[in-house]
Amino acid sequence: MCGACGGPPADWAGPLVSGHRRRWAIARFAGAVCKGVLVRPVPQGWLASGSTGGARVAPTLDRLLDHVARFLVPAGWDELEASLRDHEHGTGQDDDVHPGYRPPVAPHPPKAVTVMSVPYDGALHLRLAAFGLGVRAFDRRAVALDALDRAAPFRLLAADGRIVGTGPM
């Protein structure tokens, strides 16, 4: 709860991952790359359950990634990107229902190395999930995901295992 309205906390990625098809795609991808985790979309986010039967509701993309990142199987960006390609087939920019949306600006943008980009025909929602998993699981340095082929291009930054916002391109 955010406390102000009694609802779930705001999700910086909400407009980019909203919608049943995008949430299903993220759930399938997370379940495929995270060992022993079943992820299902629910009306306001995801439900992640483990092999012990325990389940957690994740109302935001960050919460989902926090729950499942420790189970991530790929050990580096190349392996993660290879896993992503199988799930991206048939999706892409035409699926971007909020082409003018940019995530919030990072208050203190770190100097970051680009580790992932969103190709013109890439699935932005899946790339965001993959990037978030990678920064939590195996890359704590300042890294970036470039989404430059959009109506509202942006460079998403992460540092110390957390997505911090957008920065200069």
Protein backbone atom coordinates (compact mmCIF):
# COMPACT_ATOMS: atom_id res chain seq x y z
CA MET A 1 0.00 0.00 0.00
CA CYS A 2 1.21 3.47 -0.75
CA GLY A 3 -0.76 4.97 2.15
CA ALA A 4 -2.24 7.93 0.29
CA CYS A 5 -5.19 6.27 -1.40
CA GLY A 6 -5.20 2.79 0.11
CA GLY A 7 -4.29 1.24 -3.24
CA PRO A 8 -1.15 -0.46 -4.46
CA PRO A 9 2.02 1.61 -4.89
CA ALA A 10 2.53 3.33 -8.22
CA ASP A 11 4.50 1.33 -10.77
CA TRP A 12 6.99 3.32 -12.84
CA ALA A 13 6.71 0.59 -15.51
CA GLY A 14 2.91 0.33 -15.29
CA PRO A 15 2.04 1.92 -18.64
CA LEU A 16 4.71 -0.19 -20.38
CA VAL A 17 3.72 -3.56 -18.88
CA SER A 18 -0.03 -3.10 -18.46
CA GLY A 19 -2.59 -5.19 -20.25
CA HIS A 20 -3.38 -8.86 -20.10
CA ARG A 21 -1.18 -9.90 -23.08
CA ARG A 22 1.89 -8.09 -21.79
CA ARG A 23 1.43 -9.43 -18.23
CA TRP A 24 1.02 -12.98 -19.62
CA ALA A 25 4.16 -12.59 -21.73
CA ILE A 26 6.15 -11.36 -18.72
CA ALA A 27 4.79 -14.22 -16.60
CA ARG A 28 5.80 -16.83 -19.21
CA PHE A 29 9.25 -15.30 -19.59
CA ALA A 30 9.91 -15.05 -15.84
CA GLY A 31 8.70 -18.63 -15.33
CA ALA A 32 10.97 -19.85 -18.13
CA VAL A 33 14.18 -18.17 -16.92
CA CYS A 34 13.64 -18.57 -13.17
CA LYS A 35 13.96 -22.15 -11.94
CA GLY A 36 11.15 -23.55 -9.80
CA VAL A 37 8.91 -20.48 -10.09
CA LEU A 38 5.41 -20.32 -11.53
CA VAL A 39 4.23 -16.83 -12.44
CA ARG A 40 0.65 -16.03 -13.41
CA PRO A 41 -0.91 -12.71 -14.26
CA VAL A 42 -3.71 -11.47 -12.03
CA PRO A 43 -5.95 -8.44 -12.68
CA GLN A 44 -3.59 -5.95 -11.02
CA GLY A 45 -0.17 -7.59 -11.46
CA TRP A 46 1.25 -11.09 -11.00
CA LEU A 47 1.15 -14.04 -8.63
CA ALA A 48 4.51 -15.79 -8.14
CA SER A 49 4.59 -19.20 -6.48
CA GLY A 50 7.50 -21.43 -5.65
CA SER A 51 8.06 -25.15 -5.34
CA THR A 52 7.03 -25.06 -1.67
CA GLY A 53 3.56 -23.86 -2.60
CA GLY A 54 3.95 -20.40 -1.09
CA ALA A 55 2.71 -17.57 -3.29
CA ARG A 56 3.24 -13.83 -3.35
CA VAL A 57 1.21 -11.18 -5.09
CA ALA A 58 3.28 -8.66 -7.01
CA PRO A 59 1.31 -5.50 -7.88
CA THR A 60 4.30 -3.91 -9.66
CA LEU A 61 7.00 -5.08 -12.04
CA ASP A 62 9.66 -4.29 -9.43
CA ARG A 63 7.93 -6.44 -6.82
CA LEU A 64 7.63 -9.35 -9.26
CA LEU A 65 11.32 -9.12 -10.13
CA ASP A 66 12.26 -8.87 -6.44
CA HIS A 67 10.36 -12.13 -5.78
CA VAL A 68 11.81 -14.17 -8.64
CA ALA A 69 15.31 -12.78 -9.41
CA ARG A 70 17.09 -15.11 -6.96
CA PHE A 71 15.89 -18.05 -9.08
CA LEU A 72 17.28 -16.65 -12.36
CA VAL A 73 19.11 -19.33 -14.37
CA PRO A 74 21.03 -17.28 -17.02
CA ALA A 75 24.33 -16.14 -15.55
CA GLY A 76 25.03 -13.13 -17.76
CA TRP A 77 23.59 -10.65 -20.24
CA ASP A 78 24.31 -12.79 -23.31
CA GLU A 79 22.53 -15.83 -21.86
CA LEU A 80 19.61 -13.71 -20.69
CA GLU A 81 19.27 -12.06 -24.11
CA ALA A 82 19.36 -15.47 -25.82
CA SER A 83 16.52 -16.65 -23.55
CA LEU A 84 14.60 -13.48 -24.29
CA ARG A 85 14.67 -13.93 -28.07
CA ASP A 86 12.51 -17.06 -27.89
CA HIS A 87 9.80 -15.16 -26.00
CA GLU A 88 9.97 -11.99 -28.08
CA HIS A 89 9.02 -13.62 -31.37
CA GLY A 90 5.76 -12.18 -32.68
CA THR A 91 5.64 -9.22 -30.30
CA GLY A 92 7.08 -5.79 -30.76
CA GLN A 93 6.68 -2.04 -31.02
CA ASP A 94 3.16 -2.26 -32.47
CA ASP A 95 2.20 -3.64 -29.06
CA ASP A 96 3.32 -0.44 -27.32
CA VAL A 97 0.03 1.14 -26.25
CA HIS A 98 1.71 4.11 -24.53
CA PRO A 99 4.32 5.20 -27.10
CA GLY A 100 4.71 8.65 -25.51
CA TYR A 101 5.38 7.40 -21.99
CA ARG A 102 8.84 7.64 -20.44
CA PRO A 103 9.72 6.27 -17.00
CA PRO A 104 10.58 8.92 -14.38
CA VAL A 105 13.95 10.65 -14.51
CA ALA A 106 16.66 9.38 -12.14
CA PRO A 107 17.35 12.06 -9.50
CA HIS A 108 21.12 11.39 -9.65
CA PRO A 109 21.80 9.50 -12.89
CA PRO A 110 24.93 7.35 -12.65
CA LYS A 111 27.34 7.01 -15.56
CA ALA A 112 26.23 3.64 -16.93
CA VAL A 113 27.31 1.02 -19.44
CA THR A 114 24.65 -0.14 -21.91
CA VAL A 115 24.04 -3.87 -21.44
CA MET A 116 20.76 -4.23 -23.32
CA SER A 117 18.86 -2.42 -26.06
CA VAL A 118 15.34 -2.66 -27.39
CA PRO A 119 15.48 -3.30 -31.14
CA TYR A 120 12.83 -1.69 -33.36
CA ASP A 121 10.85 -4.93 -33.46
CA GLY A 122 11.67 -5.86 -29.86
CA ALA A 123 9.15 -6.33 -27.07
CA LEU A 124 9.77 -3.45 -24.67
CA HIS A 125 7.78 -5.05 -21.82
CA LEU A 126 9.89 -8.24 -21.99
CA ARG A 127 13.13 -6.28 -22.27
CA LEU A 128 12.20 -4.31 -19.15
CA ALA A 129 11.58 -7.54 -17.24
CA ALA A 130 14.85 -9.09 -18.45
CA PHE A 131 16.83 -5.95 -17.61
CA GLY A 132 15.29 -5.81 -14.13
CA LEU A 133 16.12 -9.47 -13.50
CA GLY A 134 19.71 -9.02 -14.66
CA VAL A 135 20.42 -6.01 -12.46
CA ARG A 136 19.02 -7.82 -9.43
CA ALA A 137 20.64 -11.20 -10.05
CA PHE A 138 24.08 -10.69 -11.54
CA ASP A 139 25.06 -7.10 -12.33
CA ARG A 140 25.12 -4.55 -9.52
CA ARG A 141 27.20 -1.96 -11.35
CA ALA A 142 25.67 1.06 -13.12
CA VAL A 143 24.08 -0.32 -16.30
CA ALA A 144 21.55 0.88 -18.87
CA LEU A 145 18.84 -0.37 -21.19
CA ASP A 146 18.43 1.78 -24.30
CA ALA A 147 14.96 2.08 -25.81
CA LEU A 148 15.77 4.52 -28.60
CA ASP A 149 13.41 3.39 -31.39
CA ARG A 150 10.21 4.61 -29.69
CA ALA A 151 8.12 7.74 -30.16
CA ALA A 152 9.43 8.74 -26.70
CA PRO A 153 12.94 7.24 -26.53
CA PHE A 154 14.62 6.73 -23.18
CA ARG A 155 17.67 5.28 -21.46
CA LEU A 156 16.76 3.32 -18.33
CA LEU A 157 19.43 3.24 -15.64
CA ALA A 158 20.12 0.81 -12.81
CA ALA A 159 22.71 0.77 -10.06
CA ASP A 160 23.29 -1.38 -6.98
CA GLY A 161 20.66 -3.89 -8.13
CA ARG A 162 17.82 -1.35 -8.51
CA ILE A 163 16.31 0.51 -11.43
CA VAL A 164 16.80 4.20 -10.65
CA GLY A 165 15.03 5.91 -13.59
CA THR A 166 15.90 7.42 -16.93
CA GLY A 167 19.00 9.38 -17.74
CA PRO A 168 20.60 11.31 -20.58
CA MET A 169 21.10 9.47 -23.86
